[in-house]
């Protein structure tokens, strides 16, 4: 082929072949456009889920700290109740001795 010859399409190529090729090209463009849109949507969902996971994780950490503080308070209350119980037992014993001595 010399540089002066122009490219041309033979008249023996059916129009339906040309139309089919153009249609397939349009379908591929549409397909890749849809894939790109789906990918963008999935990326947005991943970011949203990542944020939710981070917020949930922070909440769980706070609950853990709150739970630990409540556990310490309950331990203190339990110790106080034990002291009160021992004091009540001692008071009861003293009252029993007082009753016996009268």
PDB file of N, CA and C in Angstrom:
ATOM      1  N   UNK A   1       0.841  -1.163   0.000  1.00  0.00           N
ATOM      2  CA  UNK A   1       0.000   0.000   0.000  1.00  0.00           C
ATOM      3  C   UNK A   1       0.888   1.227   0.000  1.00  0.00           C
ATOM      4  N   UNK A   2       0.691   2.058  -0.925  1.00  0.00           N
ATOM      5  CA  UNK A   2       1.511   3.265  -1.016  1.00  0.00           C
ATOM      6  C   UNK A   2       0.914   4.337  -0.129  1.00  0.00           C
ATOM      7  N   UNK A   3       1.676   5.358   0.129  1.00  0.00           N
ATOM      8  CA  UNK A   3       1.224   6.421   1.020  1.00  0.00           C
ATOM      9  C   UNK A   3       0.105   7.245   0.396  1.00  0.00           C
ATOM     10  N   UNK A   4      -0.079   7.142  -0.939  1.00  0.00           N
ATOM     11  CA  UNK A   4      -1.122   7.927  -1.600  1.00  0.00           C
ATOM     12  C   UNK A   4      -2.466   7.200  -1.601  1.00  0.00           C
ATOM     13  N   UNK A   5      -2.444   5.920  -1.383  1.00  0.00           N
ATOM     14  CA  UNK A   5      -3.705   5.196  -1.382  1.00  0.00           C
ATOM     15  C   UNK A   5      -4.459   5.496  -0.096  1.00  0.00           C
ATOM     16  N   UNK A   6      -5.722   5.752  -0.219  1.00  0.00           N
ATOM     17  CA  UNK A   6      -6.550   6.021   0.942  1.00  0.00           C
ATOM     18  C   UNK A   6      -7.225   4.734   1.376  1.00  0.00           C
ATOM     19  N   UNK A   7      -7.505   4.688   2.613  1.00  0.00           N
ATOM     20  CA  UNK A   7      -8.200   3.533   3.162  1.00  0.00           C
ATOM     21  C   UNK A   7      -9.659   3.653   2.777  1.00  0.00           C
ATOM     22  N   UNK A   8     -10.257   2.567   2.396  1.00  0.00           N
ATOM     23  CA  UNK A   8     -11.670   2.583   2.049  1.00  0.00           C
ATOM     24  C   UNK A   8     -12.294   1.242   2.416  1.00  0.00           C
ATOM     25  N   UNK A   9     -13.591   1.276   2.552  1.00  0.00           N
ATOM     26  CA  UNK A   9     -14.337   0.082   2.919  1.00  0.00           C
ATOM     27  C   UNK A   9     -14.939  -0.514   1.658  1.00  0.00           C
ATOM     28  N   UNK A  10     -14.718  -1.777   1.536  1.00  0.00           N
ATOM     29  CA  UNK A  10     -15.242  -2.456   0.352  1.00  0.00           C
ATOM     30  C   UNK A  10     -16.762  -2.492   0.415  1.00  0.00           C
ATOM     31  N   UNK A  11     -17.386  -2.370  -0.741  1.00  0.00           N
ATOM     32  CA  UNK A  11     -18.847  -2.392  -0.791  1.00  0.00           C
ATOM     33  C   UNK A  11     -19.386  -3.799  -0.544  1.00  0.00           C
ATOM     34  N   UNK A  12     -18.498  -4.756  -0.479  1.00  0.00           N
ATOM     35  CA  UNK A  12     -18.956  -6.124  -0.235  1.00  0.00           C
ATOM     36  C   UNK A  12     -19.192  -6.384   1.260  1.00  0.00           C
ATOM     37  N   UNK A  13     -18.771  -5.464   2.155  1.00  0.00           N
ATOM     38  CA  UNK A  13     -19.010  -5.613   3.588  1.00  0.00           C
ATOM     39  C   UNK A  13     -20.449  -5.173   3.867  1.00  0.00           C
ATOM     40  N   UNK A  14     -21.267  -6.058   4.445  1.00  0.00           N
ATOM     41  CA  UNK A  14     -22.668  -5.716   4.688  1.00  0.00           C
ATOM     42  C   UNK A  14     -22.803  -4.603   5.743  1.00  0.00           C
ATOM     43  N   UNK A  15     -23.824  -3.823   5.579  1.00  0.00           N
ATOM     44  CA  UNK A  15     -24.096  -2.732   6.510  1.00  0.00           C
ATOM     45  C   UNK A  15     -24.403  -3.277   7.898  1.00  0.00           C
ATOM     46  N   UNK A  16     -25.005  -4.456   7.953  1.00  0.00           N
ATOM     47  CA  UNK A  16     -25.345  -5.044   9.249  1.00  0.00           C
ATOM     48  C   UNK A  16     -24.092  -5.337  10.080  1.00  0.00           C
ATOM     49  N   UNK A  17     -22.992  -5.718   9.436  1.00  0.00           N
ATOM     50  CA  UNK A  17     -21.729  -5.961  10.153  1.00  0.00           C
ATOM     51  C   UNK A  17     -21.240  -4.643  10.755  1.00  0.00           C
ATOM     52  N   UNK A  18     -21.264  -3.597   9.959  1.00  0.00           N
ATOM     53  CA  UNK A  18     -20.810  -2.286  10.446  1.00  0.00           C
ATOM     54  C   UNK A  18     -21.713  -1.839  11.602  1.00  0.00           C
ATOM     55  N   UNK A  19     -23.022  -1.996  11.423  1.00  0.00           N
ATOM     56  CA  UNK A  19     -23.974  -1.614  12.468  1.00  0.00           C
ATOM     57  C   UNK A  19     -23.741  -2.444  13.739  1.00  0.00           C
ATOM     58  N   UNK A  20     -23.473  -3.728  13.585  1.00  0.00           N
ATOM     59  CA  UNK A  20     -23.227  -4.609  14.732  1.00  0.00           C
ATOM     60  C   UNK A  20     -21.973  -4.183  15.478  1.00  0.00           C
ATOM     61  N   UNK A  21     -20.934  -3.840  14.764  1.00  0.00           N
ATOM     62  CA  UNK A  21     -19.686  -3.405  15.403  1.00  0.00           C
ATOM     63  C   UNK A  21     -19.912  -2.107  16.175  1.00  0.00           C
ATOM     64  N   UNK A  22     -20.620  -1.174  15.572  1.00  0.00           N
ATOM     65  CA  UNK A  22     -20.916   0.093  16.246  1.00  0.00           C
ATOM     66  C   UNK A  22     -21.783  -0.159  17.482  1.00  0.00           C
ATOM     67  N   UNK A  23     -22.757  -1.053  17.343  1.00  0.00           N
ATOM     68  CA  UNK A  23     -23.632  -1.381  18.466  1.00  0.00           C
ATOM     69  C   UNK A  23     -22.843  -2.039  19.596  1.00  0.00           C
ATOM     70  N   UNK A  24     -21.931  -2.935  19.260  1.00  0.00           N
ATOM     71  CA  UNK A  24     -21.102  -3.577  20.283  1.00  0.00           C
ATOM     72  C   UNK A  24     -20.200  -2.562  20.976  1.00  0.00           C
ATOM     73  N   UNK A  25     -19.648  -1.647  20.208  1.00  0.00           N
ATOM     74  CA  UNK A  25     -18.809  -0.601  20.791  1.00  0.00           C
ATOM     75  C   UNK A  25     -19.624   0.235  21.780  1.00  0.00           C
ATOM     76  N   UNK A  26     -20.832   0.609  21.402  1.00  0.00           N
ATOM     77  CA  UNK A  26     -21.708   1.377  22.298  1.00  0.00           C
ATOM     78  C   UNK A  26     -22.049   0.562  23.543  1.00  0.00           C
ATOM     79  N   UNK A  27     -22.287  -0.736  23.373  1.00  0.00           N
ATOM     80  CA  UNK A  27     -22.598  -1.599  24.518  1.00  0.00           C
ATOM     81  C   UNK A  27     -21.411  -1.684  25.476  1.00  0.00           C
ATOM     82  N   UNK A  28     -20.203  -1.787  24.950  1.00  0.00           N
ATOM     83  CA  UNK A  28     -19.015  -1.829  25.802  1.00  0.00           C
ATOM     84  C   UNK A  28     -18.832  -0.512  26.548  1.00  0.00           C
ATOM     85  N   UNK A  29     -19.069   0.593  25.888  1.00  0.00           N
ATOM     86  CA  UNK A  29     -18.964   1.898  26.558  1.00  0.00           C
ATOM     87  C   UNK A  29     -19.991   1.972  27.683  1.00  0.00           C
ATOM     88  N   UNK A  30     -21.229   1.540  27.414  1.00  0.00           N
ATOM     89  CA  UNK A  30     -22.268   1.558  28.431  1.00  0.00           C
ATOM     90  C   UNK A  30     -21.909   0.630  29.600  1.00  0.00           C
ATOM     91  N   UNK A  31     -21.404  -0.565  29.282  1.00  0.00           N
ATOM     92  CA  UNK A  31     -21.015  -1.529  30.312  1.00  0.00           C
ATOM     93  C   UNK A  31     -19.942  -0.952  31.227  1.00  0.00           C
ATOM     94  N   UNK A  32     -18.913  -0.376  30.648  1.00  0.00           N
ATOM     95  CA  UNK A  32     -17.831   0.172  31.466  1.00  0.00           C
ATOM     96  C   UNK A  32     -18.308   1.382  32.263  1.00  0.00           C
ATOM     97  N   UNK A  33     -19.237   2.132  31.713  1.00  0.00           N
ATOM     98  CA  UNK A  33     -19.816   3.251  32.449  1.00  0.00           C
ATOM     99  C   UNK A  33     -20.583   2.735  33.675  1.00  0.00           C
ATOM    100  N   UNK A  34     -21.362   1.689  33.494  1.00  0.00           N
ATOM    101  CA  UNK A  34     -22.107   1.084  34.599  1.00  0.00           C
ATOM    102  C   UNK A  34     -21.149   0.517  35.646  1.00  0.00           C
ATOM    103  N   UNK A  35     -20.091  -0.146  35.198  1.00  0.00           N
ATOM    104  CA  UNK A  35     -19.114  -0.697  36.137  1.00  0.00           C
ATOM    105  C   UNK A  35     -18.460   0.416  36.944  1.00  0.00           C
ATOM    106  N   UNK A  36     -18.151   1.505  36.298  1.00  0.00           N
ATOM    107  CA  UNK A  36     -17.542   2.638  36.987  1.00  0.00           C
ATOM    108  C   UNK A  36     -18.500   3.211  38.030  1.00  0.00           C
ATOM    109  N   UNK A  37     -19.767   3.344  37.670  1.00  0.00           N
ATOM    110  CA  UNK A  37     -20.768   3.850  38.609  1.00  0.00           C
ATOM    111  C   UNK A  37     -20.919   2.901  39.795  1.00  0.00           C
ATOM    112  N   UNK A  38     -20.982   1.605  39.501  1.00  0.00           N
ATOM    113  CA  UNK A  38     -21.103   0.613  40.585  1.00  0.00           C
ATOM    114  C   UNK A  38     -19.880   0.662  41.499  1.00  0.00           C
ATOM    115  N   UNK A  39     -18.717   0.805  40.928  1.00  0.00           N
ATOM    116  CA  UNK A  39     -17.489   0.878  41.714  1.00  0.00           C
ATOM    117  C   UNK A  39     -17.503   2.119  42.599  1.00  0.00           C
ATOM    118  N   UNK A  40     -17.923   3.245  42.065  1.00  0.00           N
ATOM    119  CA  UNK A  40     -18.012   4.468  42.865  1.00  0.00           C
ATOM    120  C   UNK A  40     -18.990   4.284  44.023  1.00  0.00           C
ATOM    121  N   UNK A  41     -20.131   3.647  43.757  1.00  0.00           N
ATOM    122  CA  UNK A  41     -21.116   3.389  44.814  1.00  0.00           C
ATOM    123  C   UNK A  41     -20.552   2.468  45.884  1.00  0.00           C
ATOM    124  N   UNK A  42     -19.832   1.442  45.460  1.00  0.00           N
ATOM    125  CA  UNK A  42     -19.247   0.509  46.429  1.00  0.00           C
ATOM    126  C   UNK A  42     -18.172   1.188  47.277  1.00  0.00           C
ATOM    127  N   UNK A  43     -17.391   2.038  46.662  1.00  0.00           N
ATOM    128  CA  UNK A  43     -16.365   2.770  47.410  1.00  0.00           C
ATOM    129  C   UNK A  43     -17.022   3.660  48.460  1.00  0.00           C
ATOM    130  N   UNK A  44     -18.113   4.335  48.082  1.00  0.00           N
ATOM    131  CA  UNK A  44     -18.827   5.190  49.036  1.00  0.00           C
ATOM    132  C   UNK A  44     -19.388   4.354  50.191  1.00  0.00           C
ATOM    133  N   UNK A  45     -19.929   3.164  49.883  1.00  0.00           N
ATOM    134  CA  UNK A  45     -20.471   2.302  50.940  1.00  0.00           C
ATOM    135  C   UNK A  45     -19.368   1.803  51.869  1.00  0.00           C
ATOM    136  N   UNK A  46     -18.215   1.479  51.306  1.00  0.00           N
ATOM    137  CA  UNK A  46     -17.093   1.019  52.132  1.00  0.00           C
ATOM    138  C   UNK A  46     -16.658   2.131  53.080  1.00  0.00           C
ATOM    139  N   UNK A  47     -16.582   3.357  52.585  1.00  0.00           N
ATOM    140  CA  UNK A  47     -16.205   4.483  53.447  1.00  0.00           C
ATOM    141  C   UNK A  47     -17.245   4.703  54.541  1.00  0.00           C
ATOM    142  N   UNK A  48     -18.522   4.600  54.178  1.00  0.00           N
ATOM    143  CA  UNK A  48     -19.601   4.768  55.151  1.00  0.00           C
ATOM    144  C   UNK A  48     -19.524   3.675  56.217  1.00  0.00           C
ATOM    145  N   UNK A  49     -19.314   2.437  55.792  1.00  0.00           N
ATOM    146  CA  UNK A  49     -19.208   1.331  56.745  1.00  0.00           C
ATOM    147  C   UNK A  49     -17.971   1.477  57.623  1.00  0.00           C
ATOM    148  N   UNK A  50     -16.900   1.962  57.044  1.00  0.00           N
ATOM    149  CA  UNK A  50     -15.680   2.181  57.821  1.00  0.00           C
ATOM    150  C   UNK A  50     -15.928   3.214  58.913  1.00  0.00           C
ATOM    151  N   UNK A  51     -16.644   4.280  58.569  1.00  0.00           N
ATOM    152  CA  UNK A  51     -16.979   5.301  59.568  1.00  0.00           C
ATOM    153  C   UNK A  51     -17.874   4.727  60.659  1.00  0.00           C
ATOM    154  N   UNK A  52     -18.848   3.915  60.253  1.00  0.00           N
ATOM    155  CA  UNK A  52     -19.734   3.295  61.247  1.00  0.00           C
ATOM    156  C   UNK A  52     -18.959   2.362  62.177  1.00  0.00           C
ATOM    157  N   UNK A  53     -18.034   1.612  61.612  1.00  0.00           N
ATOM    158  CA  UNK A  53     -17.220   0.701  62.423  1.00  0.00           C
ATOM    159  C   UNK A  53     -16.378   1.492  63.421  1.00  0.00           C
ATOM    160  N   UNK A  54     -15.819   2.599  62.965  1.00  0.00           N
ATOM    161  CA  UNK A  54     -14.998   3.424  63.843  1.00  0.00           C
ATOM    162  C   UNK A  54     -15.846   4.001  64.980  1.00  0.00           C
ATOM    163  N   UNK A  55     -17.041   4.492  64.659  1.00  0.00           N
ATOM    164  CA  UNK A  55     -17.932   5.046  65.684  1.00  0.00           C
ATOM    165  C   UNK A  55     -18.345   3.958  66.673  1.00  0.00           C
ATOM    166  N   UNK A  56     -18.661   2.773  66.145  1.00  0.00           N
ATOM    167  CA  UNK A  56     -19.040   1.659  67.010  1.00  0.00           C
ATOM    168  C   UNK A  56     -17.883   1.252  67.915  1.00  0.00           C
ATOM    169  N   UNK A  57     -16.688   1.231  67.361  1.00  0.00           N
ATOM    170  CA  UNK A  57     -15.500   0.870  68.137  1.00  0.00           C
ATOM    171  C   UNK A  57     -15.263   1.872  69.262  1.00  0.00           C
ATOM    172  N   UNK A  58     -15.429   3.154  68.952  1.00  0.00           N
ATOM    173  CA  UNK A  58     -15.266   4.174  69.987  1.00  0.00           C
ATOM    174  C   UNK A  58     -16.322   4.015  71.072  1.00  0.00           C
ATOM    175  N   UNK A  59     -17.550   3.701  70.660  1.00  0.00           N
ATOM    176  CA  UNK A  59     -18.618   3.475  71.636  1.00  0.00           C
ATOM    177  C   UNK A  59     -18.329   2.285  72.527  1.00  0.00           C
ATOM    178  N   UNK A  60     -17.801   1.219  71.936  1.00  0.00           N
ATOM    179  CA  UNK A  60     -17.466   0.031  72.729  1.00  0.00           C
ATOM    180  C   UNK A  60     -16.347   0.323  73.715  1.00  0.00           C
ATOM    181  N   UNK A  61     -15.372   1.126  73.288  1.00  0.00           N
ATOM    182  CA  UNK A  61     -14.287   1.492  74.201  1.00  0.00           C
ATOM    183  C   UNK A  61     -14.833   2.307  75.373  1.00  0.00           C
ATOM    184  N   UNK A  62     -15.735   3.233  75.073  1.00  0.00           N
ATOM    185  CA  UNK A  62     -16.335   4.044  76.134  1.00  0.00           C
ATOM    186  C   UNK A  62     -17.158   3.161  77.067  1.00  0.00           C
ATOM    187  N   UNK A  63     -17.899   2.208  76.497  1.00  0.00           N
ATOM    188  CA  UNK A  63     -18.682   1.297  77.333  1.00  0.00           C
ATOM    189  C   UNK A  63     -17.765   0.471  78.219  1.00  0.00           C
ATOM    190  N   UNK A  64     -16.620   0.070  77.657  1.00  0.00           N
ATOM    191  CA  UNK A  64     -15.666  -0.696  78.452  1.00  0.00           C
ATOM    192  C   UNK A  64     -15.155   0.109  79.633  1.00  0.00           C
ATOM    193  N   UNK A  65     -14.859   1.397  79.384  1.00  0.00           N
ATOM    194  CA  UNK A  65     -14.399   2.256  80.469  1.00  0.00           C
ATOM    195  C   UNK A  65     -15.516   2.486  81.487  1.00  0.00           C
ATOM    196  N   UNK A  66     -16.740   2.718  80.991  1.00  0.00           N
ATOM    197  CA  UNK A  66     -17.875   2.905  81.890  1.00  0.00           C
ATOM    198  C   UNK A  66     -18.128   1.643  82.707  1.00  0.00           C
ATOM    199  N   UNK A  67     -18.011   0.495  82.064  1.00  0.00           N
ATOM    200  CA  UNK A  67     -18.217  -0.777  82.750  1.00  0.00           C
ATOM    201  C   UNK A  67     -17.165  -0.972  83.837  1.00  0.00           C
ATOM    202  N   UNK A  68     -15.938  -0.616  83.536  1.00  0.00           N
ATOM    203  CA  UNK A  68     -14.866  -0.743  84.516  1.00  0.00           C
ATOM    204  C   UNK A  68     -15.118   0.183  85.708  1.00  0.00           C
ATOM    205  N   UNK A  69     -15.556   1.406  85.436  1.00  0.00           N
ATOM    206  CA  UNK A  69     -15.847   2.350  86.516  1.00  0.00           C
ATOM    207  C   UNK A  69     -17.014   1.840  87.371  1.00  0.00           C
ATOM    208  N   UNK A  70     -18.039   1.307  86.725  1.00  0.00           N
ATOM    209  CA  UNK A  70     -19.185   0.771  87.467  1.00  0.00           C
ATOM    210  C   UNK A  70     -18.765  -0.432  88.307  1.00  0.00           C
ATOM    211  N   UNK A  71     -17.875  -1.237  87.778  1.00  0.00           N
ATOM    212  CA  UNK A  71     -17.399  -2.397  88.518  1.00  0.00           C
ATOM    213  C   UNK A  71     -16.648  -1.948  89.777  1.00  0.00           C
ATOM    214  N   UNK A  72     -15.858  -0.903  89.642  1.00  0.00           N
ATOM    215  CA  UNK A  72     -15.134  -0.378  90.799  1.00  0.00           C
ATOM    216  C   UNK A  72     -16.116   0.180  91.838  1.00  0.00           C
ATOM    217  N   UNK A  73     -17.144   0.888  91.367  1.00  0.00           N
ATOM    218  CA  UNK A  73     -18.145   1.420  92.292  1.00  0.00           C
ATOM    219  C   UNK A  73     -18.876   0.293  93.012  1.00  0.00           C
ATOM    220  N   UNK A  74     -19.233  -0.764  92.276  1.00  0.00           N
ATOM    221  CA  UNK A  74     -19.909  -1.906  92.899  1.00  0.00           C
ATOM    222  C   UNK A  74     -19.016  -2.588  93.918  1.00  0.00           C
ATOM    223  N   UNK A  75     -17.731  -2.660  93.624  1.00  0.00           N
ATOM    224  CA  UNK A  75     -16.794  -3.251  94.568  1.00  0.00           C
ATOM    225  C   UNK A  75     -16.746  -2.423  95.844  1.00  0.00           C
ATOM    226  N   UNK A  76     -16.723  -1.100  95.695  1.00  0.00           N
ATOM    227  CA  UNK A  76     -16.735  -0.223  96.870  1.00  0.00           C
ATOM    228  C   UNK A  76     -18.013  -0.372  97.670  1.00  0.00           C
ATOM    229  N   UNK A  77     -19.158  -0.460  96.982  1.00  0.00           N
ATOM    230  CA  UNK A  77     -20.443  -0.639  97.666  1.00  0.00           C
ATOM    231  C   UNK A  77     -20.465  -1.981  98.388  1.00  0.00           C
ATOM    232  N   UNK A  78     -19.938  -3.010  97.748  1.00  0.00           N
ATOM    233  CA  UNK A  78     -19.903  -4.337  98.365  1.00  0.00           C
ATOM    234  C   UNK A  78     -19.053  -4.313  99.632  1.00  0.00           C
ATOM    235  N   UNK A  79     -17.930  -3.623  99.586  1.00  0.00           N
ATOM    236  CA  UNK A  79     -17.076  -3.522 100.780  1.00  0.00           C
ATOM    237  C   UNK A  79     -17.791  -2.768 101.895  1.00  0.00           C
ATOM    238  N   UNK A  80     -18.498  -1.700 101.510  1.00  0.00           N
ATOM    239  CA  UNK A  80     -19.252  -0.933 102.507  1.00  0.00           C
ATOM    240  C   UNK A  80     -20.336  -1.796 103.137  1.00  0.00           C
ATOM    241  N   UNK A  81     -21.021  -2.576 102.327  1.00  0.00           N
ATOM    242  CA  UNK A  81     -22.063  -3.465 102.861  1.00  0.00           C
ATOM    243  C   UNK A  81     -21.466  -4.512 103.788  1.00  0.00           C
ATOM    244  N   UNK A  82     -20.276  -5.014 103.432  1.00  0.00           N
ATOM    245  CA  UNK A  82     -19.615  -5.983 104.311  1.00  0.00           C
ATOM    246  C   UNK A  82     -19.297  -5.347 105.665  1.00  0.00           C
ATOM    247  N   UNK A  83     -18.795  -4.112 105.655  1.00  0.00           N
ATOM    248  CA  UNK A  83     -18.485  -3.413 106.912  1.00  0.00           C
ATOM    249  C   UNK A  83     -19.761  -3.181 107.723  1.00  0.00           C
ATOM    250  N   UNK A  84     -20.825  -2.774 107.038  1.00  0.00           N
ATOM    251  CA  UNK A  84     -22.101  -2.580 107.739  1.00  0.00           C
ATOM    252  C   UNK A  84     -22.607  -3.889 108.336  1.00  0.00           C
ATOM    253  N   UNK A  85     -22.452  -4.977 107.586  1.00  0.00           N
ATOM    254  CA  UNK A  85     -22.896  -6.292 108.076  1.00  0.00           C
ATOM    255  C   UNK A  85     -22.104  -6.695 109.314  1.00  0.00           C
ATOM    256  N   UNK A  86     -20.794  -6.497 109.271  1.00  0.00           N
ATOM    257  CA  UNK A  86     -19.964  -6.829 110.434  1.00  0.00           C
ATOM    258  C   UNK A  86     -20.326  -5.951 111.628  1.00  0.00           C
ATOM    259  N   UNK A  87     -20.580  -4.671 111.343  1.00  0.00           N
ATOM    260  CA  UNK A  87     -20.979  -3.764 112.426  1.00  0.00           C
ATOM    261  C   UNK A  87     -22.311  -4.164 113.014  1.00  0.00           C
ATOM    262  N   UNK A  88     -23.243  -4.601 112.172  1.00  0.00           N
ATOM    263  CA  UNK A  88     -24.555  -5.030 112.648  1.00  0.00           C
ATOM    264  C   UNK A  88     -24.417  -6.297 113.489  1.00  0.00           C
ATOM    265  N   UNK A  89     -23.546  -7.204 113.046  1.00  0.00           N
ATOM    266  CA  UNK A  89     -23.331  -8.432 113.828  1.00  0.00           C
ATOM    267  C   UNK A  89     -22.730  -8.099 115.196  1.00  0.00           C
ATOM    268  N   UNK A  90     -21.791  -7.175 115.199  1.00  0.00           N
ATOM    269  CA  UNK A  90     -21.159  -6.790 116.462  1.00  0.00           C
ATOM    270  C   UNK A  90     -22.187  -6.118 117.375  1.00  0.00           C
ATOM    271  N   UNK A  91     -23.030  -5.266 116.822  1.00  0.00           N
ATOM    272  CA  UNK A  91     -24.079  -4.609 117.594  1.00  0.00           C
ATOM    273  C   UNK A  91     -25.042  -5.647 118.158  1.00  0.00           C
ATOM    274  N   UNK A  92     -25.382  -6.636 117.359  1.00  0.00           N
ATOM    275  CA  UNK A  92     -26.282  -7.702 117.800  1.00  0.00           C
ATOM    276  C   UNK A  92     -25.663  -8.471 118.963  1.00  0.00           C
ATOM    277  N   UNK A  93     -24.374  -8.780 118.847  1.00  0.00           N
ATOM    278  CA  UNK A  93     -23.691  -9.510 119.926  1.00  0.00           C
ATOM    279  C   UNK A  93     -23.664  -8.686 121.206  1.00  0.00           C
ATOM    280  N   UNK A  94     -23.395  -7.376 121.068  1.00  0.00           N
ATOM    281  CA  UNK A  94     -23.362  -6.514 122.245  1.00  0.00           C
ATOM    282  C   UNK A  94     -24.741  -6.422 122.894  1.00  0.00           C
ATOM    283  N   UNK A  95     -25.783  -6.341 122.048  1.00  0.00           N
ATOM    284  CA  UNK A  95     -27.137  -6.313 122.593  1.00  0.00           C
ATOM    285  C   UNK A  95     -27.481  -7.620 123.297  1.00  0.00           C
ATOM    286  N   UNK A  96     -27.047  -8.744 122.755  1.00  0.00           N
ATOM    287  CA  UNK A  96     -27.292 -10.035 123.393  1.00  0.00           C
ATOM    288  C   UNK A  96     -26.600 -10.096 124.757  1.00  0.00           C
ATOM    289  N   UNK A  97     -25.373  -9.591 124.841  1.00  0.00           N
ATOM    290  CA  UNK A  97     -24.647  -9.587 126.113  1.00  0.00           C
ATOM    291  C   UNK A  97     -25.344  -8.665 127.120  1.00  0.00           C
ATOM    292  N   UNK A  98     -25.825  -7.523 126.617  1.00  0.00           N
ATOM    293  CA  UNK A  98     -26.516  -6.581 127.487  1.00  0.00           C
ATOM    294  C   UNK A  98     -27.797  -7.179 128.048  1.00  0.00           C
ATOM    295  N   UNK A  99     -28.514  -7.906 127.215  1.00  0.00           N
ATOM    296  CA  UNK A  99     -29.754  -8.559 127.643  1.00  0.00           C
ATOM    297  C   UNK A  99     -29.442  -9.652 128.685  1.00  0.00           C
ATOM    298  N   UNK A 100     -28.368 -10.397 128.483  1.00  0.00           N
ATOM    299  CA  UNK A 100     -27.997 -11.479 129.390  1.00  0.00           C
ATOM    300  C   UNK A 100     -27.557 -10.919 130.770  1.00  0.00           C
ATOM    301  N   UNK A 101     -26.925  -9.777 130.736  1.00  0.00           N
ATOM    302  CA  UNK A 101     -26.449  -9.197 131.997  1.00  0.00           C
ATOM    303  C   UNK A 101     -27.553  -8.589 132.815  1.00  0.00           C
ATOM    304  N   UNK A 102     -28.692  -8.311 132.277  1.00  0.00           N
ATOM    305  CA  UNK A 102     -29.810  -7.707 133.028  1.00  0.00           C
ATOM    306  C   UNK A 102     -30.627  -8.717 133.673  1.00  0.00           C
TER     307      UNK A 102
END
